[in-house]
């Protein structure tokens, strides 16, 4: 099952380069365009998971899969809060929420979450 775990890890890394957020006029953003430190954290967690896969440490891989899911949820919350803050100059809260709603999530998140879930649920049968 090492191959499935490696494929899942590849999905997480490749997903960080796919469009994650669409900002009108500006275009699509991936992890690197969202925030450099978030991208580096994602890649470091993936590298540690690779170490766990290569050394048959299934507990480390599962913990890092859960950590990646929590990290992605944190990133989604940060994107939502940042988009609200971009429009904080507007006088009414309803206007802020309406304009913040134009920032849309893209399909890259599906790849990110799919890779992390596969990391958690793939069993390592090398005994």
Protein backbone atom coordinates (compact mmCIF):
# COMPACT_ATOMS: atom_id res chain seq x y z
CA UNK A 1 0.00 0.00 0.00
CA UNK A 2 3.03 2.22 -0.06
CA UNK A 3 2.15 3.16 -3.63
CA UNK A 4 -1.28 4.41 -2.60
CA UNK A 5 0.24 6.49 0.18
CA UNK A 6 2.80 7.92 -2.25
CA UNK A 7 0.00 8.72 -4.70
CA UNK A 8 -1.92 10.46 -1.89
CA UNK A 9 1.15 12.48 -0.99
CA UNK A 10 1.59 13.39 -4.65
CA UNK A 11 -2.04 14.60 -4.71
CA UNK A 12 -1.35 16.87 -1.73
CA UNK A 13 1.80 18.35 -3.27
CA UNK A 14 0.32 18.75 -6.76
CA UNK A 15 -2.86 20.17 -5.24
CA UNK A 16 -0.87 23.01 -3.72
CA UNK A 17 -0.03 24.18 -7.26
CA UNK A 18 -3.62 23.95 -8.52
CA UNK A 19 -6.06 26.86 -8.34
CA UNK A 20 -7.43 27.06 -4.81
CA UNK A 21 -9.04 30.50 -4.70
CA UNK A 22 -10.44 32.71 -7.46
CA UNK A 23 -10.25 36.44 -6.90
CA UNK A 24 -12.10 38.48 -9.55
CA UNK A 25 -9.91 40.58 -11.84
CA UNK A 26 -6.74 39.16 -10.21
CA UNK A 27 -7.33 35.50 -11.15
CA UNK A 28 -6.69 32.14 -9.56
CA UNK A 29 -4.36 31.67 -6.61
CA UNK A 30 -2.58 28.55 -5.43
CA UNK A 31 -0.91 28.05 -2.03
CA UNK A 32 2.19 30.02 -3.04
CA UNK A 33 0.14 33.03 -4.12
CA UNK A 34 -2.08 32.84 -1.03
CA UNK A 35 0.83 32.95 1.38
CA UNK A 36 4.42 31.79 1.06
CA UNK A 37 4.62 30.52 4.62
CA UNK A 38 1.44 28.44 4.20
CA UNK A 39 2.88 26.82 1.10
CA UNK A 40 6.16 26.04 2.86
CA UNK A 41 4.31 24.54 5.84
CA UNK A 42 2.26 22.35 3.48
CA UNK A 43 5.41 21.11 1.73
CA UNK A 44 7.26 20.49 5.02
CA UNK A 45 4.34 18.43 6.34
CA UNK A 46 4.35 16.51 3.05
CA UNK A 47 8.10 15.89 3.31
CA UNK A 48 7.70 14.53 6.84
CA UNK A 49 4.87 12.29 5.61
CA UNK A 50 7.17 11.06 2.82
CA UNK A 51 9.74 10.16 5.48
CA UNK A 52 7.04 8.20 7.33
CA UNK A 53 5.96 6.39 4.17
CA UNK A 54 9.50 5.41 3.22
CA UNK A 55 10.27 4.15 6.74
CA UNK A 56 6.94 2.25 7.13
CA UNK A 57 5.79 4.49 10.00
CA UNK A 58 2.04 4.31 9.47
CA UNK A 59 1.25 6.20 12.69
CA UNK A 60 3.33 9.18 11.58
CA UNK A 61 1.62 9.14 8.18
CA UNK A 62 -1.85 9.09 9.76
CA UNK A 63 -1.00 11.87 12.19
CA UNK A 64 0.37 13.98 9.35
CA UNK A 65 -2.75 13.25 7.27
CA UNK A 66 -4.91 14.56 10.11
CA UNK A 67 -2.55 17.51 10.54
CA UNK A 68 -2.83 18.33 6.84
CA UNK A 69 -6.64 18.24 7.01
CA UNK A 70 -6.61 20.59 10.00
CA UNK A 71 -4.11 22.81 8.18
CA UNK A 72 -6.37 22.97 5.11
CA UNK A 73 -9.37 23.86 7.28
CA UNK A 74 -7.28 26.58 8.94
CA UNK A 75 -6.31 27.91 5.52
CA UNK A 76 -9.94 27.98 4.38
CA UNK A 77 -10.92 29.93 7.51
CA UNK A 78 -8.01 32.32 6.97
CA UNK A 79 -9.05 32.92 3.36
CA UNK A 80 -12.61 33.70 4.47
CA UNK A 81 -11.45 36.08 7.22
CA UNK A 82 -8.94 37.78 4.92
CA UNK A 83 -11.56 38.32 2.22
CA UNK A 84 -13.84 39.94 4.82
CA UNK A 85 -10.97 42.14 5.94
CA UNK A 86 -10.22 43.26 2.37
CA UNK A 87 -13.62 44.93 2.26
CA UNK A 88 -13.64 46.31 5.81
CA UNK A 89 -13.63 49.86 4.44
CA UNK A 90 -17.29 49.46 3.39
CA UNK A 91 -19.73 51.10 5.83
CA UNK A 92 -22.25 48.26 6.19
CA UNK A 93 -21.57 44.70 7.33
CA UNK A 94 -23.92 43.28 4.70
CA UNK A 95 -21.92 45.03 1.96
CA UNK A 96 -18.69 43.58 3.35
CA UNK A 97 -20.12 40.07 3.30
CA UNK A 98 -21.52 40.51 -0.20
CA UNK A 99 -18.24 41.71 -1.65
CA UNK A 100 -16.26 39.09 0.27
CA UNK A 101 -18.52 36.49 -1.35
CA UNK A 102 -16.99 37.19 -4.75
CA UNK A 103 -13.84 35.37 -3.60
CA UNK A 104 -14.62 31.78 -4.63
CA UNK A 105 -12.98 28.51 -3.70
CA UNK A 106 -11.76 26.44 -6.63
CA UNK A 107 -11.45 22.73 -7.40
CA UNK A 108 -7.88 22.39 -6.11
CA UNK A 109 -9.22 21.93 -2.58
CA UNK A 110 -10.83 18.65 -3.63
CA UNK A 111 -7.43 17.30 -4.64
CA UNK A 112 -5.83 18.54 -1.41
CA UNK A 113 -8.45 16.98 0.87
CA UNK A 114 -8.61 13.76 -1.17
CA UNK A 115 -4.86 13.27 -0.81
CA UNK A 116 -4.96 13.90 2.93
CA UNK A 117 -7.90 11.52 3.46
CA UNK A 118 -6.15 8.79 1.47
CA UNK A 119 -3.07 9.27 3.66
CA UNK A 120 -5.21 8.65 6.73
CA UNK A 121 -7.15 5.63 5.49
CA UNK A 122 -4.53 3.78 3.42
CA UNK A 123 -3.23 0.82 5.38
CA UNK A 124 0.41 -0.18 5.28
CA UNK A 125 0.48 -3.98 5.01
CA UNK A 126 4.26 -4.45 5.15
CA UNK A 127 4.70 -6.60 8.26
